Amino acid sequence: MELRRSSRIKARAMTRPVSPFLMTATRKRNHHIASHEEKEQKEYEEVMRYKFRAKPAPFSIFDDGQTGVPKKTEEGSDEGENSDGTETEKRISDIESKEESSGQKQCP
Protein backbone atom coordinates (compact mmCIF):
# COMPACT_ATOMS: atom_id res chain seq x y z
CA MET A 1 0.00 0.00 0.00
CA GLU A 2 2.90 2.35 0.59
CA LEU A 3 4.12 1.80 -2.96
CA ARG A 4 0.88 2.98 -4.37
CA ARG A 5 0.85 5.99 -2.14
CA SER A 6 4.37 7.09 -3.13
CA SER A 7 3.62 6.70 -6.83
CA ARG A 8 0.57 8.86 -6.43
CA ILE A 9 2.55 11.54 -4.72
CA LYS A 10 5.16 11.58 -7.47
CA ALA A 11 2.49 11.84 -10.10
CA ARG A 12 0.90 14.81 -8.37
CA ALA A 13 4.15 16.66 -7.66
CA MET A 14 5.04 19.72 -9.72
CA THR A 15 7.86 19.42 -12.23
CA ARG A 16 10.63 21.94 -12.16
CA PRO A 17 11.39 23.51 -15.52
CA VAL A 18 14.96 23.18 -16.76
CA SER A 19 16.20 25.41 -19.52
CA PRO A 20 17.96 23.64 -22.39
CA PHE A 21 21.71 24.03 -22.79
CA LEU A 22 21.98 25.61 -26.20
CA MET A 23 25.28 25.61 -28.08
CA THR A 24 24.72 29.12 -29.41
CA ALA A 25 25.22 30.61 -25.96
CA THR A 26 28.82 29.35 -25.78
CA ARG A 27 29.74 29.90 -29.41
CA LYS A 28 32.21 32.65 -30.11
CA ARG A 29 32.35 34.40 -33.42
CA ASN A 30 35.24 36.15 -35.06
CA HIS A 31 34.74 39.88 -34.67
CA HIS A 32 37.30 40.76 -37.33
CA ILE A 33 36.48 39.75 -40.90
CA ALA A 34 39.48 39.77 -43.23
CA SER A 35 39.17 42.02 -46.27
CA HIS A 36 39.95 40.89 -49.80
CA GLU A 37 43.39 42.52 -49.69
CA GLU A 38 44.22 40.83 -46.37
CA LYS A 39 43.20 37.44 -47.74
CA GLU A 40 45.35 37.95 -50.84
CA GLN A 41 48.30 39.08 -48.72
CA LYS A 42 48.00 35.98 -46.52
CA GLU A 43 47.76 33.72 -49.59
CA TYR A 44 50.79 35.43 -51.15
CA GLU A 45 52.82 34.87 -47.98
CA GLU A 46 51.90 31.16 -48.00
CA VAL A 47 53.01 30.85 -51.62
CA MET A 48 56.29 32.58 -50.89
CA ARG A 49 56.99 30.21 -47.97
CA TYR A 50 56.51 27.18 -50.22
CA LYS A 51 59.67 26.13 -52.05
CA PHE A 52 59.29 23.83 -55.03
CA ARG A 53 61.93 21.15 -55.13
CA ALA A 54 61.95 18.84 -58.12
CA LYS A 55 63.18 15.33 -57.58
CA PRO A 56 65.68 14.02 -60.12
CA ALA A 57 64.31 11.67 -62.76
CA PRO A 58 65.50 8.05 -62.56
CA PHE A 59 67.95 7.19 -65.33
CA SER A 60 66.29 3.80 -65.87
CA ILE A 61 63.61 5.59 -67.87
CA PHE A 62 66.08 6.77 -70.46
CA ASP A 63 67.94 3.44 -70.79
CA ASP A 64 65.12 1.82 -72.81
CA GLY A 65 65.40 4.26 -75.67
CA GLN A 66 61.60 4.43 -75.94
CA THR A 67 60.63 7.85 -74.74
CA GLY A 68 57.58 9.67 -76.01
CA VAL A 69 54.77 8.31 -78.15
CA PRO A 70 55.63 5.27 -80.27
CA LYS A 71 55.37 5.78 -84.03
CA LYS A 72 52.75 3.82 -85.95
CA THR A 73 53.84 1.69 -88.85
CA GLU A 74 51.81 0.81 -91.94
CA GLU A 75 52.08 -2.92 -91.26
CA GLY A 76 51.04 -2.91 -87.63
CA SER A 77 47.92 -0.76 -87.61
CA ASP A 78 45.57 -1.85 -84.84
CA GLU A 79 42.40 -0.69 -86.54
CA GLY A 80 42.08 -3.55 -89.01
CA GLU A 81 41.91 -3.76 -92.81
CA ASN A 82 39.62 -0.80 -93.43
CA SER A 83 41.49 1.81 -91.44
CA ASP A 84 41.43 4.35 -94.29
CA GLY A 85 37.65 4.80 -94.13
CA THR A 86 36.57 2.57 -97.01
CA GLU A 87 33.92 0.90 -94.85
CA THR A 88 32.36 4.25 -94.10
CA GLU A 89 32.37 5.15 -97.76
CA LYS A 90 30.63 1.86 -98.55
CA ARG A 91 27.89 2.62 -96.01
CA ILE A 92 27.37 6.09 -97.45
CA SER A 93 27.12 4.75 -101.00
CA ASP A 94 24.65 2.04 -99.84
CA ILE A 95 22.44 4.68 -98.20
CA GLU A 96 22.57 6.88 -101.29
CA SER A 97 21.66 3.98 -103.57
CA LYS A 98 18.69 3.10 -101.34
CA GLU A 99 17.54 6.71 -101.43
CA GLU A 100 17.74 6.84 -105.21
CA SER A 101 15.76 3.61 -105.58
CA SER A 102 13.02 4.64 -103.14
CA GLY A 103 12.91 8.28 -104.27
CA GLN A 104 12.81 9.65 -100.72
CA LYS A 105 15.56 11.05 -98.54
CA GLN A 106 15.95 9.71 -95.05
CA CYS A 107 16.71 12.06 -92.21
CA PRO A 108 20.04 11.34 -90.53
PDB file of N, CA and C in Angstrom:
ATOM      1  N   MET A   1       0.792  -1.175   0.000  1.00  0.00           N
ATOM      2  CA  MET A   1       0.000   0.000   0.000  1.00  0.00           C
ATOM      3  C   MET A   1       0.863   1.280   0.000  1.00  0.00           C
ATOM      4  N   GLU A   2       2.012   1.203   0.574  1.00  0.00           N
ATOM      5  CA  GLU A   2       2.897   2.350   0.593  1.00  0.00           C
ATOM      6  C   GLU A   2       3.436   2.646  -0.807  1.00  0.00           C
ATOM      7  N   LEU A   3       3.637   1.605  -1.599  1.00  0.00           N
ATOM      8  CA  LEU A   3       4.122   1.804  -2.957  1.00  0.00           C
ATOM      9  C   LEU A   3       3.128   2.602  -3.778  1.00  0.00           C
ATOM     10  N   ARG A   4       1.900   2.267  -3.620  1.00  0.00           N
ATOM     11  CA  ARG A   4       0.879   2.985  -4.373  1.00  0.00           C
ATOM     12  C   ARG A   4       0.809   4.442  -3.935  1.00  0.00           C
ATOM     13  N   ARG A   5       0.938   4.645  -2.666  1.00  0.00           N
ATOM     14  CA  ARG A   5       0.850   5.986  -2.140  1.00  0.00           C
ATOM     15  C   ARG A   5       2.002   6.858  -2.637  1.00  0.00           C
ATOM     16  N   SER A   6       3.221   6.310  -2.685  1.00  0.00           N
ATOM     17  CA  SER A   6       4.372   7.092  -3.132  1.00  0.00           C
ATOM     18  C   SER A   6       4.296   7.394  -4.624  1.00  0.00           C
ATOM     19  N   SER A   7       3.748   6.450  -5.393  1.00  0.00           N
ATOM     20  CA  SER A   7       3.619   6.700  -6.826  1.00  0.00           C
ATOM     21  C   SER A   7       2.593   7.775  -7.105  1.00  0.00           C
ATOM     22  N   ARG A   8       1.584   7.822  -6.256  1.00  0.00           N
ATOM     23  CA  ARG A   8       0.571   8.857  -6.426  1.00  0.00           C
ATOM     24  C   ARG A   8       1.145  10.236  -6.088  1.00  0.00           C
ATOM     25  N   ILE A   9       1.970  10.274  -5.121  1.00  0.00           N
ATOM     26  CA  ILE A   9       2.552  11.541  -4.720  1.00  0.00           C
ATOM     27  C   ILE A   9       3.489  12.054  -5.817  1.00  0.00           C
ATOM     28  N   LYS A  10       4.249  11.170  -6.400  1.00  0.00           N
ATOM     29  CA  LYS A  10       5.159  11.580  -7.471  1.00  0.00           C
ATOM     30  C   LYS A  10       4.380  12.061  -8.684  1.00  0.00           C
ATOM     31  N   ALA A  11       3.285  11.449  -8.952  1.00  0.00           N
ATOM     32  CA  ALA A  11       2.488  11.840 -10.101  1.00  0.00           C
ATOM     33  C   ALA A  11       1.879  13.220  -9.897  1.00  0.00           C
ATOM     34  N   ARG A  12       1.550  13.543  -8.640  1.00  0.00           N
ATOM     35  CA  ARG A  12       0.901  14.811  -8.374  1.00  0.00           C
ATOM     36  C   ARG A  12       1.898  15.951  -8.148  1.00  0.00           C
ATOM     37  N   ALA A  13       3.173  15.630  -7.970  1.00  0.00           N
ATOM     38  CA  ALA A  13       4.154  16.658  -7.660  1.00  0.00           C
ATOM     39  C   ALA A  13       4.406  17.534  -8.889  1.00  0.00           C
ATOM     40  N   MET A  14       4.772  18.772  -8.643  1.00  0.00           N
ATOM     41  CA  MET A  14       5.042  19.718  -9.717  1.00  0.00           C
ATOM     42  C   MET A  14       6.430  19.441 -10.303  1.00  0.00           C
ATOM     43  N   THR A  15       6.556  19.588 -11.593  1.00  0.00           N
ATOM     44  CA  THR A  15       7.859  19.422 -12.233  1.00  0.00           C
ATOM     45  C   THR A  15       8.563  20.764 -12.265  1.00  0.00           C
ATOM     46  N   ARG A  16       9.851  20.719 -12.146  1.00  0.00           N
ATOM     47  CA  ARG A  16      10.630  21.941 -12.158  1.00  0.00           C
ATOM     48  C   ARG A  16      11.164  22.150 -13.580  1.00  0.00           C
ATOM     49  N   PRO A  17      10.906  23.267 -14.166  1.00  0.00           N
ATOM     50  CA  PRO A  17      11.391  23.509 -15.523  1.00  0.00           C
ATOM     51  C   PRO A  17      12.908  23.671 -15.547  1.00  0.00           C
ATOM     52  N   VAL A  18      13.517  23.088 -16.569  1.00  0.00           N
ATOM     53  CA  VAL A  18      14.961  23.177 -16.761  1.00  0.00           C
ATOM     54  C   VAL A  18      15.184  23.756 -18.151  1.00  0.00           C
ATOM     55  N   SER A  19      15.956  24.798 -18.218  1.00  0.00           N
ATOM     56  CA  SER A  19      16.204  25.409 -19.523  1.00  0.00           C
ATOM     57  C   SER A  19      17.195  24.553 -20.302  1.00  0.00           C
ATOM     58  N   PRO A  20      17.045  24.453 -21.591  1.00  0.00           N
ATOM     59  CA  PRO A  20      17.965  23.636 -22.394  1.00  0.00           C
ATOM     60  C   PRO A  20      19.318  24.313 -22.517  1.00  0.00           C
ATOM     61  N   PHE A  21      20.358  23.512 -22.621  1.00  0.00           N
ATOM     62  CA  PHE A  21      21.712  24.026 -22.790  1.00  0.00           C
ATOM     63  C   PHE A  21      21.963  24.170 -24.282  1.00  0.00           C
ATOM     64  N   LEU A  22      21.830  25.376 -24.772  1.00  0.00           N
ATOM     65  CA  LEU A  22      21.983  25.615 -26.201  1.00  0.00           C
ATOM     66  C   LEU A  22      23.435  25.916 -26.519  1.00  0.00           C
ATOM     67  N   MET A  23      23.898  25.415 -27.675  1.00  0.00           N
ATOM     68  CA  MET A  23      25.280  25.608 -28.081  1.00  0.00           C
ATOM     69  C   MET A  23      25.534  27.048 -28.543  1.00  0.00           C
ATOM     70  N   THR A  24      24.510  27.762 -28.914  1.00  0.00           N
ATOM     71  CA  THR A  24      24.717  29.115 -29.408  1.00  0.00           C
ATOM     72  C   THR A  24      25.151  30.063 -28.302  1.00  0.00           C
ATOM     73  N   ALA A  25      24.837  29.735 -27.061  1.00  0.00           N
ATOM     74  CA  ALA A  25      25.217  30.608 -25.956  1.00  0.00           C
ATOM     75  C   ALA A  25      26.726  30.590 -25.741  1.00  0.00           C
ATOM     76  N   THR A  26      27.382  29.468 -26.014  1.00  0.00           N
ATOM     77  CA  THR A  26      28.816  29.347 -25.775  1.00  0.00           C
ATOM     78  C   THR A  26      29.650  29.569 -27.030  1.00  0.00           C
ATOM     79  N   ARG A  27      29.010  29.734 -28.151  1.00  0.00           N
ATOM     80  CA  ARG A  27      29.737  29.899 -29.407  1.00  0.00           C
ATOM     81  C   ARG A  27      30.324  31.304 -29.491  1.00  0.00           C
ATOM     82  N   LYS A  28      31.560  31.349 -29.945  1.00  0.00           N
ATOM     83  CA  LYS A  28      32.213  32.647 -30.114  1.00  0.00           C
ATOM     84  C   LYS A  28      32.450  32.884 -31.595  1.00  0.00           C
ATOM     85  N   ARG A  29      32.167  34.055 -32.023  1.00  0.00           N
ATOM     86  CA  ARG A  29      32.354  34.404 -33.421  1.00  0.00           C
ATOM     87  C   ARG A  29      33.552  35.323 -33.571  1.00  0.00           C
ATOM     88  N   ASN A  30      34.119  35.285 -34.754  1.00  0.00           N
ATOM     89  CA  ASN A  30      35.244  36.151 -35.057  1.00  0.00           C
ATOM     90  C   ASN A  30      34.714  37.569 -35.294  1.00  0.00           C
ATOM     91  N   HIS A  31      35.221  38.514 -34.533  1.00  0.00           N
ATOM     92  CA  HIS A  31      34.737  39.884 -34.671  1.00  0.00           C
ATOM     93  C   HIS A  31      35.419  40.612 -35.816  1.00  0.00           C
ATOM     94  N   HIS A  32      36.587  40.123 -36.237  1.00  0.00           N
ATOM     95  CA  HIS A  32      37.301  40.761 -37.334  1.00  0.00           C
ATOM     96  C   HIS A  32      37.171  39.896 -38.580  1.00  0.00           C
ATOM     97  N   ILE A  33      36.610  40.456 -39.624  1.00  0.00           N
ATOM     98  CA  ILE A  33      36.481  39.751 -40.896  1.00  0.00           C
ATOM     99  C   ILE A  33      37.559  40.299 -41.823  1.00  0.00           C
ATOM    100  N   ALA A  34      38.362  39.357 -42.380  1.00  0.00           N
ATOM    101  CA  ALA A  34      39.477  39.770 -43.232  1.00  0.00           C
ATOM    102  C   ALA A  34      38.960  40.325 -44.556  1.00  0.00           C
ATOM    103  N   SER A  35      39.553  41.425 -44.999  1.00  0.00           N
ATOM    104  CA  SER A  35      39.172  42.016 -46.272  1.00  0.00           C
ATOM    105  C   SER A  35      39.811  41.231 -47.412  1.00  0.00           C
ATOM    106  N   HIS A  36      39.425  41.572 -48.615  1.00  0.00           N
ATOM    107  CA  HIS A  36      39.952  40.886 -49.797  1.00  0.00           C
ATOM    108  C   HIS A  36      41.466  41.066 -49.893  1.00  0.00           C
ATOM    109  N   GLU A  37      41.950  42.260 -49.620  1.00  0.00           N
ATOM    110  CA  GLU A  37      43.388  42.520 -49.688  1.00  0.00           C
ATOM    111  C   GLU A  37      44.148  41.712 -48.628  1.00  0.00           C
ATOM    112  N   GLU A  38      43.578  41.607 -47.424  1.00  0.00           N
ATOM    113  CA  GLU A  38      44.224  40.830 -46.370  1.00  0.00           C
ATOM    114  C   GLU A  38      44.297  39.349 -46.726  1.00  0.00           C
ATOM    115  N   LYS A  39      43.207  38.848 -47.323  1.00  0.00           N
ATOM    116  CA  LYS A  39      43.198  37.443 -47.744  1.00  0.00           C
ATOM    117  C   LYS A  39      44.257  37.193 -48.812  1.00  0.00           C
ATOM    118  N   GLU A  40      44.353  38.105 -49.781  1.00  0.00           N
ATOM    119  CA  GLU A  40      45.347  37.947 -50.838  1.00  0.00           C
ATOM    120  C   GLU A  40      46.763  38.042 -50.284  1.00  0.00           C
ATOM    121  N   GLN A  41      46.983  38.936 -49.331  1.00  0.00           N
ATOM    122  CA  GLN A  41      48.300  39.077 -48.724  1.00  0.00           C
ATOM    123  C   GLN A  41      48.679  37.799 -47.970  1.00  0.00           C
ATOM    124  N   LYS A  42      47.747  37.219 -47.260  1.00  0.00           N
ATOM    125  CA  LYS A  42      48.003  35.978 -46.524  1.00  0.00           C
ATOM    126  C   LYS A  42      48.313  34.840 -47.494  1.00  0.00           C
ATOM    127  N   GLU A  43      47.529  34.752 -48.584  1.00  0.00           N
ATOM    128  CA  GLU A  43      47.755  33.717 -49.588  1.00  0.00           C
ATOM    129  C   GLU A  43      49.119  33.894 -50.258  1.00  0.00           C
ATOM    130  N   TYR A  44      49.498  35.143 -50.535  1.00  0.00           N
ATOM    131  CA  TYR A  44      50.790  35.434 -51.151  1.00  0.00           C
ATOM    132  C   TYR A  44      51.938  35.012 -50.231  1.00  0.00           C
ATOM    133  N   GLU A  45      51.790  35.275 -48.937  1.00  0.00           N
ATOM    134  CA  GLU A  45      52.818  34.872 -47.984  1.00  0.00           C
ATOM    135  C   GLU A  45      52.962  33.349 -47.917  1.00  0.00           C
ATOM    136  N   GLU A  46      51.841  32.627 -47.999  1.00  0.00           N
ATOM    137  CA  GLU A  46      51.897  31.163 -47.996  1.00  0.00           C
ATOM    138  C   GLU A  46      52.615  30.641 -49.239  1.00  0.00           C
ATOM    139  N   VAL A  47      52.364  31.267 -50.382  1.00  0.00           N
ATOM    140  CA  VAL A  47      53.014  30.847 -51.624  1.00  0.00           C
ATOM    141  C   VAL A  47      54.508  31.124 -51.559  1.00  0.00           C
ATOM    142  N   MET A  48      54.873  32.235 -50.976  1.00  0.00           N
ATOM    143  CA  MET A  48      56.292  32.578 -50.886  1.00  0.00           C
ATOM    144  C   MET A  48      57.044  31.659 -49.918  1.00  0.00           C
ATOM    145  N   ARG A  49      56.345  31.147 -48.902  1.00  0.00           N
ATOM    146  CA  ARG A  49      56.987  30.209 -47.974  1.00  0.00           C
ATOM    147  C   ARG A  49      57.232  28.853 -48.618  1.00  0.00           C
ATOM    148  N   TYR A  50      56.410  28.489 -49.586  1.00  0.00           N
ATOM    149  CA  TYR A  50      56.512  27.183 -50.224  1.00  0.00           C
ATOM    150  C   TYR A  50      57.647  27.199 -51.241  1.00  0.00           C
ATOM    151  N   LYS A  51      58.562  26.262 -51.106  1.00  0.00           N
ATOM    152  CA  LYS A  51      59.672  26.130 -52.047  1.00  0.00           C
ATOM    153  C   LYS A  51      59.464  24.855 -52.855  1.00  0.00           C
ATOM    154  N   PHE A  52      59.454  24.994 -54.162  1.00  0.00           N
ATOM    155  CA  PHE A  52      59.289  23.834 -55.029  1.00  0.00           C
ATOM    156  C   PHE A  52      60.636  23.179 -55.229  1.00  0.00           C
ATOM    157  N   ARG A  53      60.690  21.907 -54.949  1.00  0.00           N
ATOM    158  CA  ARG A  53      61.928  21.150 -55.134  1.00  0.00           C
ATOM    159  C   ARG A  53      61.615  19.944 -56.011  1.00  0.00           C
ATOM    160  N   ALA A  54      62.167  19.946 -57.199  1.00  0.00           N
ATOM    161  CA  ALA A  54      61.953  18.843 -58.122  1.00  0.00           C
ATOM    162  C   ALA A  54      62.890  17.697 -57.772  1.00  0.00           C
ATOM    163  N   LYS A  55      62.345  16.499 -57.819  1.00  0.00           N
ATOM    164  CA  LYS A  55      63.183  15.326 -57.580  1.00  0.00           C
ATOM    165  C   LYS A  55      63.822  14.916 -58.901  1.00  0.00           C
ATOM    166  N   PRO A  56      65.040  14.418 -58.869  1.00  0.00           N
ATOM    167  CA  PRO A  56      65.682  14.017 -60.123  1.00  0.00           C
ATOM    168  C   PRO A  56      64.983  12.796 -60.733  1.00  0.00           C
ATOM    169  N   ALA A  57      64.941  12.780 -62.060  1.00  0.00           N
ATOM    170  CA  ALA A  57      64.306  11.667 -62.762  1.00  0.00           C
ATOM    171  C   ALA A  57      65.216  10.448 -62.720  1.00  0.00           C
ATOM    172  N   PRO A  58      64.658   9.240 -62.557  1.00  0.00           N
ATOM    173  CA  PRO A  58      65.496   8.049 -62.556  1.00  0.00           C
ATOM    174  C   PRO A  58      66.044   7.781 -63.965  1.00  0.00           C
ATOM    175  N   PHE A  59      67.315   7.409 -64.032  1.00  0.00           N
ATOM    176  CA  PHE A  59      67.955   7.187 -65.329  1.00  0.00           C
ATOM    177  C   PHE A  59      67.470   5.910 -66.003  1.00  0.00           C
ATOM    178  N   SER A  60      66.800   5.035 -65.276  1.00  0.00           N
ATOM    179  CA  SER A  60      66.294   3.797 -65.874  1.00  0.00           C
ATOM    180  C   SER A  60      65.234   4.076 -66.939  1.00  0.00           C
ATOM    181  N   ILE A  61      64.609   5.218 -66.867  1.00  0.00           N
ATOM    182  CA  ILE A  61      63.606   5.586 -67.872  1.00  0.00           C
ATOM    183  C   ILE A  61      64.273   5.787 -69.223  1.00  0.00           C
ATOM    184  N   PHE A  62      65.421   6.424 -69.215  1.00  0.00           N
ATOM    185  CA  PHE A  62      66.083   6.773 -70.464  1.00  0.00           C
ATOM    186  C   PHE A  62      66.918   5.638 -71.045  1.00  0.00           C
ATOM    187  N   ASP A  63      67.142   4.562 -70.303  1.00  0.00           N
ATOM    188  CA  ASP A  63      67.940   3.442 -70.794  1.00  0.00           C
ATOM    189  C   ASP A  63      67.222   2.643 -71.878  1.00  0.00           C
ATOM    190  N   ASP A  64      65.881   2.600 -71.844  1.00  0.00           N
ATOM    191  CA  ASP A  64      65.118   1.815 -72.808  1.00  0.00           C
ATOM    192  C   ASP A  64      65.225   2.369 -74.218  1.00  0.00           C
ATOM    193  N   GLY A  65      65.352   3.653 -74.352  1.00  0.00           N
ATOM    194  CA  GLY A  65      65.395   4.258 -75.669  1.00  0.00           C
ATOM    195  C   GLY A  65      64.011   4.551 -76.210  1.00  0.00           C
ATOM    196  N   GLN A  66      62.973   4.177 -75.493  1.00  0.00           N
ATOM    197  CA  GLN A  66      61.604   4.429 -75.938  1.00  0.00           C
ATOM    198  C   GLN A  66      61.000   5.523 -75.067  1.00  0.00           C
ATOM    199  N   THR A  67      61.250   6.738 -75.435  1.00  0.00           N
ATOM    200  CA  THR A  67      60.631   7.854 -74.741  1.00  0.00           C
ATOM    201  C   THR A  67      59.665   8.523 -75.690  1.00  0.00           C
ATOM    202  N   GLY A  68      58.577   9.002 -75.183  1.00  0.00           N
ATOM    203  CA  GLY A  68      57.580   9.667 -76.012  1.00  0.00           C
ATOM    204  C   GLY A  68      56.554   8.687 -76.543  1.00  0.00           C
ATOM    205  N   VAL A  69      55.829   9.111 -77.555  1.00  0.00           N
ATOM    206  CA  VAL A  69      54.772   8.309 -78.152  1.00  0.00           C
ATOM    207  C   VAL A  69      55.372   7.433 -79.239  1.00  0.00           C
ATOM    208  N   PRO A  70      55.072   6.130 -79.224  1.00  0.00           N
ATOM    209  CA  PRO A  70      55.631   5.268 -80.271  1.00  0.00           C
ATOM    210  C   PRO A  70      55.026   5.599 -81.639  1.00  0.00           C
ATOM    211  N   LYS A  71      55.842   5.482 -82.684  1.00  0.00           N
ATOM    212  CA  LYS A  71      55.375   5.777 -84.032  1.00  0.00           C
ATOM    213  C   LYS A  71      54.606   4.590 -84.583  1.00  0.00           C
ATOM    214  N   LYS A  72      53.538   4.878 -85.338  1.00  0.00           N
ATOM    215  CA  LYS A  72      52.746   3.819 -85.954  1.00  0.00           C
ATOM    216  C   LYS A  72      53.380   3.442 -87.282  1.00  0.00           C
ATOM    217  N   THR A  73      53.340   2.174 -87.570  1.00  0.00           N
ATOM    218  CA  THR A  73      53.836   1.691 -88.854  1.00  0.00           C
ATOM    219  C   THR A  73      52.661   1.280 -89.720  1.00  0.00           C
ATOM    220  N   GLU A  74      52.876   1.205 -91.018  1.00  0.00           N
ATOM    221  CA  GLU A  74      51.815   0.807 -91.943  1.00  0.00           C
ATOM    222  C   GLU A  74      51.404  -0.641 -91.722  1.00  0.00           C
ATOM    223  N   GLU A  75      52.358  -1.488 -91.401  1.00  0.00           N
ATOM    224  CA  GLU A  75      52.076  -2.915 -91.261  1.00  0.00           C
ATOM    225  C   GLU A  75      51.303  -3.222 -89.977  1.00  0.00           C
ATOM    226  N   GLY A  76      51.604  -2.548 -88.919  1.00  0.00           N
ATOM    227  CA  GLY A  76      51.040  -2.906 -87.635  1.00  0.00           C
ATOM    228  C   GLY A  76      49.917  -2.014 -87.167  1.00  0.00           C
ATOM    229  N   SER A  77      49.029  -1.603 -88.063  1.00  0.00           N
ATOM    230  CA  SER A  77      47.920  -0.763 -87.611  1.00  0.00           C
ATOM    231  C   SER A  77      46.934  -1.626 -86.835  1.00  0.00           C
ATOM    232  N   ASP A  78      46.460  -1.105 -85.725  1.00  0.00           N
ATOM    233  CA  ASP A  78      45.570  -1.853 -84.842  1.00  0.00           C
ATOM    234  C   ASP A  78      44.114  -1.762 -85.259  1.00  0.00           C
ATOM    235  N   GLU A  79      43.794  -0.934 -86.214  1.00  0.00           N
ATOM    236  CA  GLU A  79      42.401  -0.688 -86.539  1.00  0.00           C
ATOM    237  C   GLU A  79      41.822  -1.700 -87.525  1.00  0.00           C
ATOM    238  N   GLY A  80      42.601  -2.542 -88.091  1.00  0.00           N
ATOM    239  CA  GLY A  80      42.076  -3.551 -89.006  1.00  0.00           C
ATOM    240  C   GLY A  80      42.346  -3.200 -90.457  1.00  0.00           C
ATOM    241  N   GLU A  81      41.678  -3.933 -91.367  1.00  0.00           N
ATOM    242  CA  GLU A  81      41.909  -3.765 -92.807  1.00  0.00           C
ATOM    243  C   GLU A  81      41.422  -2.409 -93.317  1.00  0.00           C
ATOM    244  N   ASN A  82      40.249  -2.001 -92.879  1.00  0.00           N
ATOM    245  CA  ASN A  82      39.625  -0.805 -93.431  1.00  0.00           C
ATOM    246  C   ASN A  82      39.904   0.410 -92.559  1.00  0.00           C
ATOM    247  N   SER A  83      41.161   0.685 -92.291  1.00  0.00           N
ATOM    248  CA  SER A  83      41.494   1.810 -91.437  1.00  0.00           C
ATOM    249  C   SER A  83      41.477   3.135 -92.193  1.00  0.00           C
ATOM    250  N   ASP A  84      41.415   3.108 -93.527  1.00  0.00           N
ATOM    251  CA  ASP A  84      41.433   4.352 -94.292  1.00  0.00           C
ATOM    252  C   ASP A  84      40.030   4.897 -94.548  1.00  0.00           C
ATOM    253  N   GLY A  85      38.999   4.275 -94.012  1.00  0.00           N
ATOM    254  CA  GLY A  85      37.648   4.797 -94.130  1.00  0.00           C
ATOM    255  C   GLY A  85      36.858   4.210 -95.269  1.00  0.00           C
ATOM    256  N   THR A  86      37.313   3.134 -95.893  1.00  0.00           N
ATOM    257  CA  THR A  86      36.567   2.567 -97.014  1.00  0.00           C
ATOM    258  C   THR A  86      35.244   1.977 -96.559  1.00  0.00           C
ATOM    259  N   GLU A  87      35.171   1.468 -95.350  1.00  0.00           N
ATOM    260  CA  GLU A  87      33.923   0.900 -94.851  1.00  0.00           C
ATOM    261  C   GLU A  87      32.870   1.991 -94.693  1.00  0.00           C
ATOM    262  N   THR A  88      33.287   3.127 -94.244  1.00  0.00           N
ATOM    263  CA  THR A  88      32.362   4.246 -94.095  1.00  0.00           C
ATOM    264  C   THR A  88      31.867   4.707 -95.459  1.00  0.00           C
ATOM    265  N   GLU A  89      32.777   4.761 -96.401  1.00  0.00           N
ATOM    266  CA  GLU A  89      32.367   5.154 -97.755  1.00  0.00           C
ATOM    267  C   GLU A  89      31.386   4.150 -98.340  1.00  0.00           C
ATOM    268  N   LYS A  90      31.568   2.875 -98.065  1.00  0.00           N
ATOM    269  CA  LYS A  90      30.629   1.856 -98.550  1.00  0.00           C
ATOM    270  C   LYS A  90      29.250   2.069 -97.957  1.00  0.00           C
ATOM    271  N   ARG A  91      29.184   2.381 -96.659  1.00  0.00           N
ATOM    272  CA  ARG A  91      27.892   2.615 -96.012  1.00  0.00           C
ATOM    273  C   ARG A  91      27.188   3.827 -96.623  1.00  0.00           C
ATOM    274  N   ILE A  92      27.960   4.880 -96.863  1.00  0.00           N
ATOM    275  CA  ILE A  92      27.373   6.085 -97.449  1.00  0.00           C
ATOM    276  C   ILE A  92      26.836   5.789 -98.837  1.00  0.00           C
ATOM    277  N   SER A  93      27.586   5.068 -99.643  1.00  0.00           N
ATOM    278  CA  SER A  93      27.122   4.746-100.996  1.00  0.00           C
ATOM    279  C   SER A  93      25.896   3.838-100.954  1.00  0.00           C
ATOM    280  N   ASP A  94      25.839   2.899 -99.983  1.00  0.00           N
ATOM    281  CA  ASP A  94      24.654   2.038 -99.845  1.00  0.00           C
ATOM    282  C   ASP A  94      23.424   2.864 -99.493  1.00  0.00           C
ATOM    283  N   ILE A  95      23.577   3.834 -98.593  1.00  0.00           N
ATOM    284  CA  ILE A  95      22.445   4.678 -98.198  1.00  0.00           C
ATOM    285  C   ILE A  95      21.983   5.516 -99.376  1.00  0.00           C
ATOM    286  N   GLU A  96      22.939   6.064-100.130  1.00  0.00           N
ATOM    287  CA  GLU A  96      22.573   6.880-101.292  1.00  0.00           C
ATOM    288  C   GLU A  96      21.864   6.048-102.349  1.00  0.00           C
ATOM    289  N   SER A  97      22.316   4.823-102.562  1.00  0.00           N
ATOM    290  CA  SER A  97      21.664   3.977-103.570  1.00  0.00           C
ATOM    291  C   SER A  97      20.249   3.600-103.139  1.00  0.00           C
ATOM    292  N   LYS A  98      20.045   3.395-101.831  1.00  0.00           N
ATOM    293  CA  LYS A  98      18.693   3.095-101.340  1.00  0.00           C
ATOM    294  C   LYS A  98      17.782   4.302-101.495  1.00  0.00           C
ATOM    295  N   GLU A  99      18.334   5.502-101.281  1.00  0.00           N
ATOM    296  CA  GLU A  99      17.536   6.715-101.430  1.00  0.00           C
ATOM    297  C   GLU A  99      17.119   6.919-102.885  1.00  0.00           C
ATOM    298  N   GLU A 100      18.034   6.656-103.785  1.00  0.00           N
ATOM    299  CA  GLU A 100      17.738   6.837-105.210  1.00  0.00           C
ATOM    300  C   GLU A 100      16.667   5.856-105.658  1.00  0.00           C
ATOM    301  N   SER A 101      16.733   4.611-105.159  1.00  0.00           N
ATOM    302  CA  SER A 101      15.765   3.610-105.584  1.00  0.00           C
ATOM    303  C   SER A 101      14.389   3.887-104.997  1.00  0.00           C
ATOM    304  N   SER A 102      14.330   4.392-103.749  1.00  0.00           N
ATOM    305  CA  SER A 102      13.023   4.644-103.138  1.00  0.00           C
ATOM    306  C   SER A 102      12.479   6.022-103.513  1.00  0.00           C
ATOM    307  N   GLY A 103      13.345   6.946-103.873  1.00  0.00           N
ATOM    308  CA  GLY A 103      12.909   8.276-104.266  1.00  0.00           C
ATOM    309  C   GLY A 103      12.708   9.230-103.097  1.00  0.00           C
ATOM    310  N   GLN A 104      12.952   8.795-101.876  1.00  0.00           N
ATOM    311  CA  GLN A 104      12.809   9.654-100.715  1.00  0.00           C
ATOM    312  C   GLN A 104      14.142   9.732 -99.974  1.00  0.00           C
ATOM    313  N   LYS A 105      14.363  10.888 -99.361  1.00  0.00           N
ATOM    314  CA  LYS A 105      15.560  11.046 -98.542  1.00  0.00           C
ATOM    315  C   LYS A 105      15.231  10.718 -97.101  1.00  0.00           C
ATOM    316  N   GLN A 106      16.140  10.009 -96.469  1.00  0.00           N
ATOM    317  CA  GLN A 106      15.950   9.705 -95.052  1.00  0.00           C
ATOM    318  C   GLN A 106      16.682  10.762 -94.241  1.00  0.00           C
ATOM    319  N   CYS A 107      16.089  11.099 -93.111  1.00  0.00           N
ATOM    320  CA  CYS A 107      16.710  12.056 -92.215  1.00  0.00           C
ATOM    321  C   CYS A 107      17.813  11.347 -91.425  1.00  0.00           C
ATOM    322  N   PRO A 108      18.956  11.984 -91.283  1.00  0.00           N
ATOM    323  CA  PRO A 108      20.038  11.336 -90.527  1.00  0.00           C
ATOM    324  C   PRO A 108      19.749  11.283 -89.051  1.00  0.00           C
TER     325      PRO A 108
END
